[in-house]
Amino acid sequence: MNTDPIADYLTRVRNAIQAKHRVVDVPASNLKKEMTKILFEKGYILNYKFVDDSAQGTIKIALKYDPSTKMSAIQSLDRVSRPGLRKYTSSVKVPRVLNGLGIAILSTSKGVMTDKEAKKEKVGGEVLCYVY
């Protein structure tokens, strides 16, 4: 049993990047699907596919690398809020990652969104992770 599925998701992606894998499989959930969509929209991953092979399903994520330097588009994935210590923010104090070069993924009352979208919508929420 996994007590923190978001940390497991981030760790699987982080480990696949370190091992220079092209594709990583992650157990699916609605929150992980929304996070994957955000990573794709912001250009951190190449592609993704939701596979309903079991009761839970899986997410196949194609990782993105620079062809010349073989560096990943994702340099860091940091879990912020965790089960033992939740981190919430108001719409005014939404964190900026690397002065706007990275993104923070938030879980808000209007769904899962990035820090910039949350500021525009004027909603706060739980800060799930930082990506840059």
C-alpha atoms as a PDB file:
ATOM      1  CA  MET A   1       0.000   0.000   0.000  1.00  0.00           C
ATOM      2  CA  ASN A   2       1.309   3.406  -0.990  1.00  0.00           C
ATOM      3  CA  THR A   3       0.635   6.248   1.429  1.00  0.00           C
ATOM      4  CA  ASP A   4       1.653   9.057  -0.945  1.00  0.00           C
ATOM      5  CA  PRO A   5       0.726   8.297  -4.579  1.00  0.00           C
ATOM      6  CA  ILE A   6       1.828  11.748  -5.824  1.00  0.00           C
ATOM      7  CA  ALA A   7       5.342  11.261  -4.407  1.00  0.00           C
ATOM      8  CA  ASP A   8       5.393   7.804  -6.024  1.00  0.00           C
ATOM      9  CA  TYR A   9       4.387   9.357  -9.390  1.00  0.00           C
ATOM     10  CA  LEU A  10       7.124  12.004  -9.174  1.00  0.00           C
ATOM     11  CA  THR A  11       9.737   9.446  -8.071  1.00  0.00           C
ATOM     12  CA  ARG A  12       8.924   7.090 -10.956  1.00  0.00           C
ATOM     13  CA  VAL A  13       9.324   9.929 -13.462  1.00  0.00           C
ATOM     14  CA  ARG A  14      12.516  11.169 -11.746  1.00  0.00           C
ATOM     15  CA  ASN A  15      14.042   7.655 -11.746  1.00  0.00           C
ATOM     16  CA  ALA A  16      13.146   7.105 -15.413  1.00  0.00           C
ATOM     17  CA  ILE A  17      14.830  10.401 -16.334  1.00  0.00           C
ATOM     18  CA  GLN A  18      17.987   9.448 -14.434  1.00  0.00           C
ATOM     19  CA  ALA A  19      18.071   6.071 -16.177  1.00  0.00           C
ATOM     20  CA  LYS A  20      17.484   7.821 -19.563  1.00  0.00           C
ATOM     21  CA  HIS A  21      14.324   5.805 -20.261  1.00  0.00           C
ATOM     22  CA  ARG A  22      12.078   6.906 -23.136  1.00  0.00           C
ATOM     23  CA  VAL A  23       8.784   5.741 -21.568  1.00  0.00           C
ATOM     24  CA  VAL A  24       7.654   5.317 -17.964  1.00  0.00           C
ATOM     25  CA  ASP A  25       4.505   3.550 -16.716  1.00  0.00           C
ATOM     26  CA  VAL A  26       2.685   4.996 -13.714  1.00  0.00           C
ATOM     27  CA  PRO A  27      -0.460   3.681 -11.969  1.00  0.00           C
ATOM     28  CA  ALA A  28      -3.336   5.994 -12.900  1.00  0.00           C
ATOM     29  CA  SER A  29      -5.620   8.189 -10.807  1.00  0.00           C
ATOM     30  CA  ASN A  30      -7.637  11.258 -11.746  1.00  0.00           C
ATOM     31  CA  LEU A  31      -5.157  13.594 -10.009  1.00  0.00           C
ATOM     32  CA  LYS A  32      -2.156  11.981 -11.750  1.00  0.00           C
ATOM     33  CA  LYS A  33      -3.954  12.226 -15.109  1.00  0.00           C
ATOM     34  CA  GLU A  34      -4.483  15.970 -14.600  1.00  0.00           C
ATOM     35  CA  MET A  35      -0.845  16.454 -13.549  1.00  0.00           C
ATOM     36  CA  THR A  36       0.284  14.554 -16.665  1.00  0.00           C
ATOM     37  CA  LYS A  37      -1.889  16.766 -18.888  1.00  0.00           C
ATOM     38  CA  ILE A  38      -0.303  19.878 -17.342  1.00  0.00           C
ATOM     39  CA  LEU A  39       3.231  18.497 -17.888  1.00  0.00           C
ATOM     40  CA  PHE A  40       2.343  17.831 -21.542  1.00  0.00           C
ATOM     41  CA  GLU A  41       0.746  21.262 -22.110  1.00  0.00           C
ATOM     42  CA  LYS A  42       3.777  23.022 -20.634  1.00  0.00           C
ATOM     43  CA  GLY A  43       6.226  20.999 -22.762  1.00  0.00           C
ATOM     44  CA  TYR A  44       7.920  18.946 -20.050  1.00  0.00           C
ATOM     45  CA  ILE A  45       6.958  15.583 -21.581  1.00  0.00           C
ATOM     46  CA  LEU A  46       6.723  14.423 -25.184  1.00  0.00           C
ATOM     47  CA  ASN A  47       3.407  12.565 -25.018  1.00  0.00           C
ATOM     48  CA  TYR A  48       1.188  10.478 -22.757  1.00  0.00           C
ATOM     49  CA  LYS A  49      -1.407   7.740 -23.062  1.00  0.00           C
ATOM     50  CA  PHE A  50      -4.016   6.470 -20.617  1.00  0.00           C
ATOM     51  CA  VAL A  51      -4.259   2.651 -20.725  1.00  0.00           C
ATOM     52  CA  ASP A  52      -7.191   0.879 -19.038  1.00  0.00           C
ATOM     53  CA  ASP A  53      -5.519  -2.528 -18.702  1.00  0.00           C
ATOM     54  CA  SER A  54      -6.527  -3.197 -15.097  1.00  0.00           C
ATOM     55  CA  ALA A  55      -9.050  -1.918 -12.587  1.00  0.00           C
ATOM     56  CA  GLN A  56      -6.861   1.092 -11.860  1.00  0.00           C
ATOM     57  CA  GLY A  57      -5.269   1.609 -15.271  1.00  0.00           C
ATOM     58  CA  THR A  58      -1.856   3.039 -16.097  1.00  0.00           C
ATOM     59  CA  ILE A  59      -0.416   6.176 -17.626  1.00  0.00           C
ATOM     60  CA  LYS A  60       2.336   5.728 -20.234  1.00  0.00           C
ATOM     61  CA  ILE A  61       4.492   8.868 -20.293  1.00  0.00           C
ATOM     62  CA  ALA A  62       6.972   9.507 -23.119  1.00  0.00           C
ATOM     63  CA  LEU A  63       9.798  11.591 -21.667  1.00  0.00           C
ATOM     64  CA  LYS A  64      11.306  14.510 -23.561  1.00  0.00           C
ATOM     65  CA  TYR A  65      15.060  14.881 -24.131  1.00  0.00           C
ATOM     66  CA  ASP A  66      17.168  17.424 -26.016  1.00  0.00           C
ATOM     67  CA  PRO A  67      18.605  15.547 -29.039  1.00  0.00           C
ATOM     68  CA  SER A  68      22.003  17.262 -28.996  1.00  0.00           C
ATOM     69  CA  THR A  69      22.819  17.246 -25.266  1.00  0.00           C
ATOM     70  CA  LYS A  70      20.655  14.262 -24.167  1.00  0.00           C
ATOM     71  CA  MET A  71      19.388  16.409 -21.261  1.00  0.00           C
ATOM     72  CA  SER A  72      15.837  15.953 -20.033  1.00  0.00           C
ATOM     73  CA  ALA A  73      13.277  18.758 -20.316  1.00  0.00           C
ATOM     74  CA  ILE A  74      12.553  18.160 -16.619  1.00  0.00           C
ATOM     75  CA  GLN A  75      15.500  19.196 -14.472  1.00  0.00           C
ATOM     76  CA  SER A  76      13.753  18.857 -11.114  1.00  0.00           C
ATOM     77  CA  LEU A  77      10.513  17.484  -9.682  1.00  0.00           C
ATOM     78  CA  ASP A  78      10.014  18.510  -6.043  1.00  0.00           C
ATOM     79  CA  ARG A  79       7.118  17.365  -3.853  1.00  0.00           C
ATOM     80  CA  VAL A  80       5.922  20.280  -1.720  1.00  0.00           C
ATOM     81  CA  SER A  81       2.769  19.253   0.139  1.00  0.00           C
ATOM     82  CA  ARG A  82       2.909  15.797   1.665  1.00  0.00           C
ATOM     83  CA  PRO A  83       0.544  13.735   3.832  1.00  0.00           C
ATOM     84  CA  GLY A  84       2.401  14.637   7.037  1.00  0.00           C
ATOM     85  CA  LEU A  85       2.560  18.366   6.279  1.00  0.00           C
ATOM     86  CA  ARG A  86       0.118  19.881   3.819  1.00  0.00           C
ATOM     87  CA  LYS A  87       1.106  23.193   2.200  1.00  0.00           C
ATOM     88  CA  TYR A  88      -1.735  25.494   1.228  1.00  0.00           C
ATOM     89  CA  THR A  89      -1.528  28.932  -0.347  1.00  0.00           C
ATOM     90  CA  SER A  90      -3.896  31.801  -0.968  1.00  0.00           C
ATOM     91  CA  SER A  91      -4.475  33.299  -4.401  1.00  0.00           C
ATOM     92  CA  VAL A  92      -2.285  36.281  -3.486  1.00  0.00           C
ATOM     93  CA  LYS A  93       0.681  34.219  -2.244  1.00  0.00           C
ATOM     94  CA  VAL A  94       0.877  31.610  -5.023  1.00  0.00           C
ATOM     95  CA  PRO A  95       4.587  30.640  -5.275  1.00  0.00           C
ATOM     96  CA  ARG A  96       6.724  31.411  -8.324  1.00  0.00           C
ATOM     97  CA  VAL A  97       9.214  28.739  -9.313  1.00  0.00           C
ATOM     98  CA  LEU A  98      12.620  29.981 -10.559  1.00  0.00           C
ATOM     99  CA  ASN A  99      11.194  33.481 -11.096  1.00  0.00           C
ATOM    100  CA  GLY A 100       8.536  32.148 -13.467  1.00  0.00           C
ATOM    101  CA  LEU A 101      10.758  29.759 -15.458  1.00  0.00           C
ATOM    102  CA  GLY A 102       9.316  26.682 -13.730  1.00  0.00           C
ATOM    103  CA  ILE A 103       5.780  25.783 -12.704  1.00  0.00           C
ATOM    104  CA  ALA A 104       4.043  24.919  -9.469  1.00  0.00           C
ATOM    105  CA  ILE A 105       1.140  22.480  -9.761  1.00  0.00           C
ATOM    106  CA  LEU A 106      -1.751  23.263  -7.430  1.00  0.00           C
ATOM    107  CA  SER A 107      -4.889  21.375  -6.502  1.00  0.00           C
ATOM    108  CA  THR A 108      -7.630  24.005  -6.218  1.00  0.00           C
ATOM    109  CA  SER A 109     -11.395  24.078  -5.865  1.00  0.00           C
ATOM    110  CA  LYS A 110     -11.542  24.660  -9.637  1.00  0.00           C
ATOM    111  CA  GLY A 111      -9.350  21.657 -10.449  1.00  0.00           C
ATOM    112  CA  VAL A 112      -5.642  20.967 -10.865  1.00  0.00           C
ATOM    113  CA  MET A 113      -3.785  23.910 -12.431  1.00  0.00           C
ATOM    114  CA  THR A 114      -0.457  25.708 -12.641  1.00  0.00           C
ATOM    115  CA  ASP A 115       0.589  28.658 -10.502  1.00  0.00           C
ATOM    116  CA  LYS A 116      -0.032  31.169 -13.308  1.00  0.00           C
ATOM    117  CA  GLU A 117      -3.529  29.821 -14.004  1.00  0.00           C
ATOM    118  CA  ALA A 118      -4.363  29.938 -10.282  1.00  0.00           C
ATOM    119  CA  LYS A 119      -3.281  33.591 -10.083  1.00  0.00           C
ATOM    120  CA  LYS A 120      -5.380  34.437 -13.138  1.00  0.00           C
ATOM    121  CA  GLU A 121      -8.424  32.599 -11.742  1.00  0.00           C
ATOM    122  CA  LYS A 122      -7.767  34.149  -8.286  1.00  0.00           C
ATOM    123  CA  VAL A 123      -7.890  30.824  -6.447  1.00  0.00           C
ATOM    124  CA  GLY A 124      -5.550  29.262  -3.918  1.00  0.00           C
ATOM    125  CA  GLY A 125      -5.126  25.654  -2.917  1.00  0.00           C
ATOM    126  CA  GLU A 126      -2.724  22.886  -2.056  1.00  0.00           C
ATOM    127  CA  VAL A 127       0.729  23.178  -3.646  1.00  0.00           C
ATOM    128  CA  LEU A 128       1.439  19.663  -4.943  1.00  0.00           C
ATOM    129  CA  CYS A 129       4.865  20.054  -6.583  1.00  0.00           C
ATOM    130  CA  TYR A 130       7.397  22.261  -8.329  1.00  0.00           C
ATOM    131  CA  VAL A 131       8.630  21.408 -11.840  1.00  0.00           C
ATOM    132  CA  TYR A 132      11.568  23.017 -13.664  1.00  0.00           C
END
